[in-house]
Protein backbone atom coordinates (compact mmCIF):
# COMPACT_ATOMS: atom_id res chain seq x y z
CA MET A 1 -23.75 -5.57 8.70
CA LYS A 2 -23.44 -5.83 12.47
CA PRO A 3 -20.26 -4.49 14.06
CA LEU A 4 -19.32 -5.85 17.44
CA PRO A 5 -21.53 -3.99 19.97
CA GLN A 6 -18.60 -2.64 21.99
CA ILE A 7 -17.04 -1.19 18.84
CA ALA A 8 -20.37 0.21 17.64
CA ASP A 9 -20.57 2.08 20.96
CA PHE A 10 -17.48 4.16 20.12
CA ALA A 11 -18.07 4.52 16.36
CA ASP A 12 -18.50 8.29 16.67
CA GLU A 13 -15.12 8.55 18.36
CA MET A 14 -13.55 6.57 15.54
CA THR A 15 -15.05 8.98 13.01
CA ALA A 16 -13.58 11.93 14.90
CA ILE A 17 -10.14 10.27 14.98
CA ARG A 18 -10.25 9.44 11.29
CA ARG A 19 -11.27 12.96 10.29
CA ASP A 20 -8.56 14.49 12.44
CA LEU A 21 -5.96 12.27 10.78
CA HIS A 22 -7.41 13.17 7.40
CA ALA A 23 -7.06 16.88 8.11
CA HIS A 24 -3.39 16.44 9.08
CA PRO A 25 -1.86 14.00 6.54
CA GLU A 26 1.82 13.19 6.54
CA LEU A 27 4.04 11.65 3.89
CA GLY A 28 6.02 8.44 4.32
CA PHE A 29 8.56 8.39 7.17
CA GLN A 30 7.21 11.81 8.24
CA GLU A 31 4.18 10.52 10.19
CA HIS A 32 5.32 12.07 13.47
CA ARG A 33 1.97 13.57 14.48
CA THR A 34 0.10 10.46 13.38
CA SER A 35 2.35 8.06 15.26
CA GLY A 36 2.13 10.29 18.34
CA ILE A 37 -1.65 10.09 18.26
CA VAL A 38 -1.51 6.32 17.80
CA GLN A 39 0.83 5.98 20.79
CA GLU A 40 -1.35 8.21 22.97
CA LEU A 41 -4.53 6.32 22.12
CA LEU A 42 -2.97 2.89 22.63
CA GLU A 43 -1.85 4.03 26.07
CA ARG A 44 -5.37 5.28 26.83
CA TYR A 45 -6.85 1.98 25.67
CA GLY A 46 -4.68 -0.01 28.08
CA VAL A 47 -2.52 -1.84 25.55
CA ASP A 48 0.09 -3.86 27.45
CA GLU A 49 3.20 -2.78 25.58
CA ILE A 50 3.75 0.11 23.16
CA HIS A 51 6.93 0.37 21.13
CA THR A 52 7.78 3.39 18.99
CA GLY A 53 10.52 4.39 16.59
CA MET A 54 10.61 1.26 14.44
CA ALA A 55 11.33 2.39 10.87
CA GLY A 56 11.39 5.90 12.33
CA THR A 57 7.69 6.51 12.87
CA GLY A 58 6.28 2.99 13.21
CA VAL A 59 4.32 1.96 16.29
CA VAL A 60 3.78 -1.57 17.61
CA GLY A 61 1.34 -2.50 20.37
CA VAL A 62 1.14 -5.80 22.24
CA ILE A 63 -2.16 -7.01 23.74
CA ARG A 64 -2.28 -10.18 25.83
CA GLY A 65 -5.44 -12.25 26.05
CA LYS A 66 -7.02 -13.82 29.15
CA GLY A 67 -5.57 -17.23 28.38
CA ASP A 68 -1.93 -18.24 28.51
CA GLY A 69 -1.63 -19.35 24.90
CA THR A 70 1.69 -18.86 23.14
CA ARG A 71 0.46 -18.08 19.63
CA CYS A 72 0.42 -14.55 18.23
CA VAL A 73 -1.74 -12.93 15.56
CA GLY A 74 -0.50 -9.72 13.93
CA LEU A 75 -2.73 -6.97 12.57
CA ARG A 76 -1.25 -4.26 10.37
CA ALA A 77 -2.36 -0.83 9.14
CA ASP A 78 -0.52 1.81 7.11
CA MET A 79 -0.33 5.48 8.16
CA ASP A 80 1.13 7.58 5.33
CA ALA A 81 -0.55 9.96 2.90
CA LEU A 82 0.16 10.92 -0.72
CA PRO A 83 1.65 14.04 -2.39
CA ILE A 84 -1.74 15.09 -3.80
CA GLN A 85 -3.61 18.38 -3.48
CA GLU A 86 -7.06 17.61 -2.10
CA THR A 87 -10.13 18.96 -3.98
CA THR A 88 -12.98 17.53 -1.88
CA ASN A 89 -13.83 20.78 -0.02
CA LEU A 90 -14.78 18.68 3.00
CA THR A 91 -14.91 20.48 6.34
CA TYR A 92 -12.06 18.24 7.47
CA ALA A 93 -10.08 18.41 4.22
CA SER A 94 -6.29 18.37 4.36
CA GLN A 95 -4.70 21.36 6.04
CA ASN A 96 -1.28 20.39 4.69
CA GLU A 97 -0.67 21.87 1.27
CA GLY A 98 -0.04 19.25 -1.40
CA VAL A 99 -0.54 16.28 0.94
CA MET A 100 -3.71 14.18 1.15
CA HIS A 101 -5.00 10.90 2.52
CA ALA A 102 -6.13 9.91 -0.96
CA CYS A 103 -5.76 6.17 -0.32
CA GLY A 104 -7.60 5.83 2.98
CA HIS A 105 -4.66 5.08 5.25
CA ASP A 106 -6.25 7.41 7.81
CA ALA A 107 -9.18 4.95 7.85
CA HIS A 108 -6.92 1.89 8.06
CA THR A 109 -5.12 3.40 11.06
CA THR A 110 -8.43 4.25 12.72
CA MET A 111 -9.89 0.79 12.18
CA LEU A 112 -6.84 -0.86 13.74
CA LEU A 113 -7.05 1.56 16.67
CA GLY A 114 -10.68 0.51 17.10
CA ALA A 115 -9.73 -3.16 17.04
CA ALA A 116 -6.94 -2.54 19.57
CA ARG A 117 -9.34 -0.72 21.90
CA TYR A 118 -11.81 -3.60 21.78
CA LEU A 119 -9.19 -6.32 22.23
CA ALA A 120 -7.54 -4.53 25.14
CA SER A 121 -10.93 -4.17 26.80
CA THR A 122 -12.36 -7.66 26.26
CA ARG A 123 -9.22 -9.84 25.97
CA ASN A 124 -11.42 -12.76 24.96
CA PHE A 125 -8.59 -14.73 23.40
CA SER A 126 -5.68 -16.89 24.48
CA GLY A 127 -2.32 -15.67 23.26
CA THR A 128 -1.11 -12.33 21.95
CA ALA A 129 -2.41 -9.78 19.46
CA THR A 130 0.24 -7.51 17.96
CA VAL A 131 -1.01 -4.32 16.30
CA ILE A 132 1.41 -2.86 13.77
CA PHE A 133 1.10 0.73 12.55
CA GLN A 134 3.40 0.97 9.56
CA PRO A 135 4.87 4.10 7.96
CA ALA A 136 5.65 4.72 4.31
CA GLU A 137 3.57 2.20 2.40
CA GLU A 138 3.32 4.40 -0.70
CA GLY A 139 6.43 3.21 -2.50
CA LEU A 140 9.01 4.11 0.13
CA GLY A 141 9.54 0.67 1.63
CA GLY A 142 8.04 1.08 5.08
CA ALA A 143 7.31 -2.62 5.50
CA ARG A 144 10.81 -3.63 4.48
CA LYS A 145 12.27 -1.04 6.84
CA MET A 146 10.22 -2.34 9.78
CA ILE A 147 11.28 -5.90 8.98
CA ALA A 148 14.92 -4.84 8.70
CA ASP A 149 14.58 -3.10 12.06
CA GLY A 150 13.59 -6.42 13.59
CA LEU A 151 9.78 -6.30 13.57
CA PHE A 152 9.25 -10.05 13.54
CA LYS A 153 12.37 -10.75 15.58
CA HIS A 154 11.12 -8.63 18.47
CA PHE A 155 7.43 -9.34 17.88
CA PRO A 156 7.20 -12.82 16.31
CA CYS A 157 3.81 -13.52 14.77
CA ASP A 158 2.38 -16.87 13.73
CA GLU A 159 0.12 -15.21 11.19
CA ILE A 160 -0.73 -11.67 10.10
CA PHE A 161 -3.70 -9.89 8.55
CA GLY A 162 -4.23 -6.60 6.74
CA MET A 163 -7.09 -4.72 5.10
CA HIS A 164 -7.65 -2.05 2.43
CA ASN A 165 -10.74 -0.04 1.67
CA ASN A 166 -12.35 -0.30 -1.78
CA PRO A 167 -14.28 2.88 -2.68
CA ASN A 168 -15.66 1.26 -5.84
CA GLY A 169 -17.00 -1.80 -4.06
CA THR A 170 -20.34 -2.82 -2.63
CA PRO A 171 -20.54 -1.32 0.88
CA GLY A 172 -19.53 -3.96 3.41
CA LEU A 173 -18.42 -6.52 0.83
CA VAL A 174 -15.22 -8.29 1.90
CA LYS A 175 -13.15 -9.87 -0.87
CA ILE A 176 -9.93 -11.92 -0.89
CA LYS A 177 -7.98 -13.40 -3.77
CA LEU A 178 -6.37 -16.71 -2.77
CA GLY A 179 -2.69 -17.16 -3.59
CA GLU A 180 -1.12 -14.54 -5.85
CA ALA A 181 -3.32 -11.49 -5.49
CA MET A 182 -1.52 -8.19 -6.13
CA ALA A 183 1.32 -7.35 -8.46
CA GLY A 184 4.94 -6.85 -7.61
CA ALA A 185 6.29 -3.47 -8.69
CA CYS A 186 9.49 -1.83 -9.86
CA SER A 187 10.18 1.78 -10.75
CA PHE A 188 12.63 3.05 -13.33
CA ASP A 189 14.45 6.26 -14.25
CA ILE A 190 16.02 6.66 -17.69
CA LYS A 191 18.22 9.62 -18.62
CA VAL A 192 18.93 10.28 -22.30
CA HIS A 193 22.15 12.28 -22.74
CA GLY A 194 21.85 13.92 -26.13
CA VAL A 195 23.77 16.85 -27.59
CA GLY A 196 22.11 20.22 -27.24
CA SER A 197 21.83 22.66 -30.12
CA HIS A 198 19.94 25.63 -31.48
CA ALA A 199 16.41 24.60 -32.43
CA ALA A 200 16.96 26.10 -35.90
CA MET A 201 19.97 23.87 -36.46
CA PRO A 202 19.07 20.39 -35.10
CA ASP A 203 21.73 18.78 -37.28
CA ASP A 204 24.35 20.23 -34.94
CA GLY A 205 23.11 18.11 -32.03
CA ARG A 206 21.59 14.82 -30.99
CA ASP A 207 17.96 15.55 -30.16
CA ALA A 208 17.29 14.04 -26.73
CA ILE A 209 13.53 14.65 -27.09
CA VAL A 210 13.25 12.72 -30.36
CA ILE A 211 15.32 9.85 -28.97
CA ALA A 212 13.37 9.73 -25.71
CA SER A 213 10.05 9.90 -27.58
CA ALA A 214 11.04 6.90 -29.66
CA LEU A 215 12.05 5.14 -26.48
CA VAL A 216 8.54 5.54 -25.02
CA GLY A 217 7.06 3.62 -27.95
CA ASP A 218 9.80 1.00 -27.92
CA LEU A 219 9.23 0.29 -24.23
CA GLN A 220 5.57 -0.49 -24.87
CA SER A 221 6.57 -3.28 -27.24
CA ILE A 222 8.20 -5.18 -24.36
CA ILE A 223 4.88 -6.35 -22.94
CA SER A 224 3.10 -6.89 -26.24
CA ARG A 225 5.92 -8.68 -28.03
CA ASN A 226 8.07 -10.32 -25.37
CA ILE A 227 5.77 -11.44 -22.55
CA SER A 228 3.32 -14.33 -22.83
CA PRO A 229 -0.31 -13.12 -22.76
CA THR A 230 -0.93 -15.73 -20.04
CA LYS A 231 1.44 -13.86 -17.68
CA PRO A 232 0.00 -10.42 -16.90
CA ALA A 233 2.35 -7.46 -16.75
CA VAL A 234 2.15 -3.69 -17.12
CA LEU A 235 4.79 -1.14 -18.10
CA SER A 236 3.82 2.52 -17.90
CA VAL A 237 5.91 5.63 -18.56
CA THR A 238 4.58 8.18 -16.10
CA LYS A 239 7.03 11.09 -16.39
CA PHE A 240 8.74 12.76 -19.36
CA ASN A 241 10.86 15.83 -18.70
CA ALA A 242 13.02 17.77 -21.15
CA GLY A 243 13.87 21.31 -22.12
CA ASN A 244 13.01 24.78 -20.85
CA ALA A 245 13.23 27.08 -23.89
CA TYR A 246 11.45 27.46 -27.23
CA ASN A 247 14.59 27.77 -29.30
CA VAL A 248 16.90 25.23 -27.66
CA LEU A 249 17.07 21.48 -28.20
CA PRO A 250 17.94 20.18 -24.73
CA ASP A 251 20.87 17.89 -24.16
CA VAL A 252 18.99 15.75 -21.61
CA ALA A 253 15.58 14.10 -21.46
CA THR A 254 14.41 11.92 -18.58
CA LEU A 255 11.76 9.23 -18.43
CA SER A 256 10.34 7.52 -15.37
CA GLY A 257 7.72 4.88 -14.86
CA THR A 258 6.59 1.66 -13.28
CA ILE A 259 6.57 -2.08 -13.98
CA ARG A 260 3.91 -4.41 -12.53
CA TYR A 261 4.30 -8.20 -12.66
CA PHE A 262 3.22 -11.49 -11.09
CA HIS A 263 6.20 -13.67 -12.02
CA ASP A 264 9.84 -12.96 -11.14
CA GLU A 265 11.04 -14.25 -14.49
CA VAL A 266 8.75 -11.76 -16.22
CA ARG A 267 10.18 -8.94 -14.13
CA ASP A 268 13.71 -10.04 -15.01
CA LEU A 269 12.88 -10.18 -18.71
CA ILE A 270 11.32 -6.71 -18.68
CA GLU A 271 14.34 -5.25 -16.91
CA SER A 272 16.68 -6.92 -19.39
CA ARG A 273 14.72 -5.66 -22.41
CA ILE A 274 14.62 -2.08 -21.07
CA LYS A 275 18.39 -2.10 -20.74
CA ASP A 276 18.88 -3.72 -24.17
CA ILE A 277 16.59 -1.22 -25.90
CA CYS A 278 18.31 1.72 -24.23
CA ALA A 279 21.75 0.37 -25.14
CA GLY A 280 20.66 -0.10 -28.76
CA LEU A 281 19.27 3.43 -29.06
CA ALA A 282 22.42 4.83 -27.47
CA ARG A 283 24.60 3.06 -30.04
CA MET A 284 22.34 4.10 -32.90
CA HIS A 285 22.49 7.79 -32.01
CA GLY A 286 26.02 7.91 -30.66
CA ILE A 287 24.98 9.02 -27.20
CA GLU A 288 24.71 7.67 -23.66
CA ILE A 289 21.54 6.51 -21.91
CA ASP A 290 21.55 5.79 -18.18
CA VAL A 291 19.08 3.27 -16.76
CA LYS A 292 18.14 2.74 -13.12
CA ILE A 293 15.55 0.10 -12.14
CA TRP A 294 14.67 -0.84 -8.57
CA ASN A 295 12.14 -3.09 -6.89
CA LEU A 296 9.45 -1.53 -4.68
CA PHE A 297 7.04 -4.34 -3.86
CA ASP A 298 7.00 -8.09 -4.10
CA VAL A 299 3.98 -10.00 -5.39
CA LEU A 300 1.38 -10.21 -2.62
CA VAL A 301 0.53 -13.86 -1.92
CA ASN A 302 -2.35 -14.72 0.38
CA ASP A 303 -2.25 -18.00 2.30
CA ALA A 304 -5.30 -19.97 1.13
CA ASP A 305 -6.25 -21.44 4.52
CA LEU A 306 -5.81 -18.14 6.34
CA SER A 307 -7.73 -16.33 3.61
CA ASN A 308 -10.69 -18.63 4.16
CA ALA A 309 -10.40 -18.12 7.92
CA TYR A 310 -10.37 -14.35 7.36
CA LEU A 311 -13.55 -14.56 5.27
CA GLU A 312 -15.23 -16.64 7.97
CA ALA A 313 -14.34 -14.01 10.56
CA ALA A 314 -15.62 -11.27 8.27
CA GLY A 315 -18.81 -13.26 7.77
CA ASP A 316 -19.50 -12.96 11.48
CA ILE A 317 -19.67 -9.19 10.99
CA VAL A 318 -21.03 -8.58 7.48
CA GLY A 319 -22.79 -11.91 6.89
CA ALA A 320 -21.45 -14.77 4.81
CA GLU A 321 -23.40 -13.47 1.81
CA ASN A 322 -21.19 -10.36 1.88
CA THR A 323 -17.90 -12.26 1.68
CA GLN A 324 -16.38 -13.31 -1.60
CA ILE A 325 -13.41 -15.11 -3.08
CA ASN A 326 -11.99 -12.76 -5.68
CA THR A 327 -10.87 -14.53 -8.86
CA GLU A 328 -9.17 -11.54 -10.50
CA LEU A 329 -5.59 -10.41 -10.10
CA THR A 330 -4.97 -6.80 -9.09
CA THR A 331 -2.20 -4.94 -10.90
CA GLY A 332 -1.97 -2.48 -8.04
CA SER A 333 0.72 -3.21 -5.45
CA GLU A 334 0.91 -3.25 -1.67
CA ASP A 335 3.97 -3.53 0.54
CA PHE A 336 2.12 -5.76 3.01
CA SER A 337 3.43 -8.34 0.52
CA ASP A 338 6.84 -8.03 2.20
CA MET A 339 5.36 -8.99 5.56
CA LEU A 340 3.55 -11.93 3.97
CA LYS A 341 6.89 -13.21 2.68
CA VAL A 342 8.03 -13.56 6.29
CA VAL A 343 4.78 -14.49 8.06
CA PRO A 344 1.81 -16.31 6.47
CA GLY A 345 -1.40 -14.34 6.38
CA ALA A 346 -4.03 -12.69 4.24
CA TYR A 347 -5.05 -9.27 2.92
CA CYS A 348 -8.67 -8.38 2.19
CA THR A 349 -10.59 -5.44 0.75
CA LEU A 350 -13.63 -3.86 2.38
CA GLY A 351 -16.03 -2.09 0.07
CA HIS A 352 -17.69 1.27 0.50
CA GLY A 353 -19.75 3.30 -1.91
CA ARG A 354 -18.02 6.63 -2.37
CA GLY A 355 -17.20 5.82 -5.98
CA VAL A 356 -14.11 8.01 -6.48
CA PRO A 357 -11.01 5.82 -6.88
CA VAL A 358 -8.02 5.93 -4.58
CA HIS A 359 -5.09 8.20 -5.48
CA ASN A 360 -7.58 10.79 -6.78
CA PRO A 361 -7.74 14.35 -5.38
CA ALA A 362 -11.53 13.98 -4.99
CA TYR A 363 -11.34 10.68 -3.09
CA SER A 364 -13.32 10.42 0.14
CA PHE A 365 -13.99 7.69 2.67
CA ASP A 366 -17.31 6.41 4.06
CA ASP A 367 -16.97 6.57 7.84
CA THR A 368 -19.87 4.17 8.39
CA ILE A 369 -17.60 1.22 7.63
CA LEU A 370 -15.00 2.15 10.28
CA PRO A 371 -16.65 -0.03 12.96
CA ILE A 372 -17.10 -2.80 10.38
CA GLY A 373 -13.40 -2.90 9.54
CA ALA A 374 -12.41 -2.68 13.21
CA SER A 375 -14.79 -5.52 14.09
CA ILE A 376 -13.41 -7.79 11.35
CA LEU A 377 -9.84 -7.20 12.54
CA ALA A 378 -10.82 -7.92 16.13
CA ARG A 379 -12.87 -10.97 15.19
CA ILE A 380 -10.03 -12.67 13.31
CA VAL A 381 -7.93 -12.48 16.49
CA GLU A 382 -10.72 -14.02 18.57
CA ARG A 383 -11.24 -16.79 16.00
CA ARG A 384 -7.57 -17.62 15.47
CA LEU A 385 -6.59 -17.57 19.16
CA THR A 386 -8.62 -20.03 21.17
CA PRO A 387 -10.84 -17.99 23.52
CA ALA A 388 -10.00 -18.07 27.18
CA PRO A 389 -12.31 -20.21 29.32
């Protein structure tokens, strides 16, 4: 692995930035400190234009190359953290109670800052590089909000690229899945309105816990008995809340969870079956069940040609032997998919060897790959925009 020399020269500064961001994580649409740091650094790096306030805390920088080309390449990083209590005991562990960069967005932001610094210094391309620092990737619709606020209207891009760290991957290994790559996602809330009663006399009520418990099992049959095995999908109930006393059968139980899918018709069928099952249970028990289902992420689809171009650019940094076409679908989701619906592009993973998965309170990031990620992002701009003479 050989990062671009200019980026390697400020690798220690990137580590300091990343660790500072890690120590001060912020949840989606609350990234005020983070976006302020991004703005300050882009100004210091000599980025031509800096625009703030898009989707609340989003930041967009515009860097013009030496040549007078009209094409634009977009680079995107996410900035938000997760509502997780960190357990790493690192010297730079989160100082914000119950909030942690457990997905590496602090690293993604830092790598894009490194790429922006390099591109603003060298400008060895013809056209425009737009660096997009997005808020609220973790299920709050930050990408959609930026698009609705006119991201690609005000900053039109011909193509766009993103990156995510992979703590379970071979260090420096860059992987891309061509075409459909990551699942679309919906969330759901279900409220079972039973009839409360004394726990010693359950016949006086309609036990919301029993009904909701049966519902959990019934929901699992949707995937196994309604969806073709050739069309992957996942339905998981992730929350079950009911009751607050030993001797009372509660009148309400609530379920929440997530749906992951790769085909819109599968998503529609799952939603329909959830509503049908809930309606049937409600009729059977003489109660009401409320269902709310909403879409969070679309299926992430990588452009095949741009994916190959991305791997070639990565090969310049990590070596072609450390680039790979991924053949497996990922049931995780990523709201960069919304940007890829508007602008063609590609999304890769960059491996590091920490071993603890993302969204885990013990997750940590390997800072040695910061200059690698920054160099790949910078290199794709140089490759896709004809260098200035």
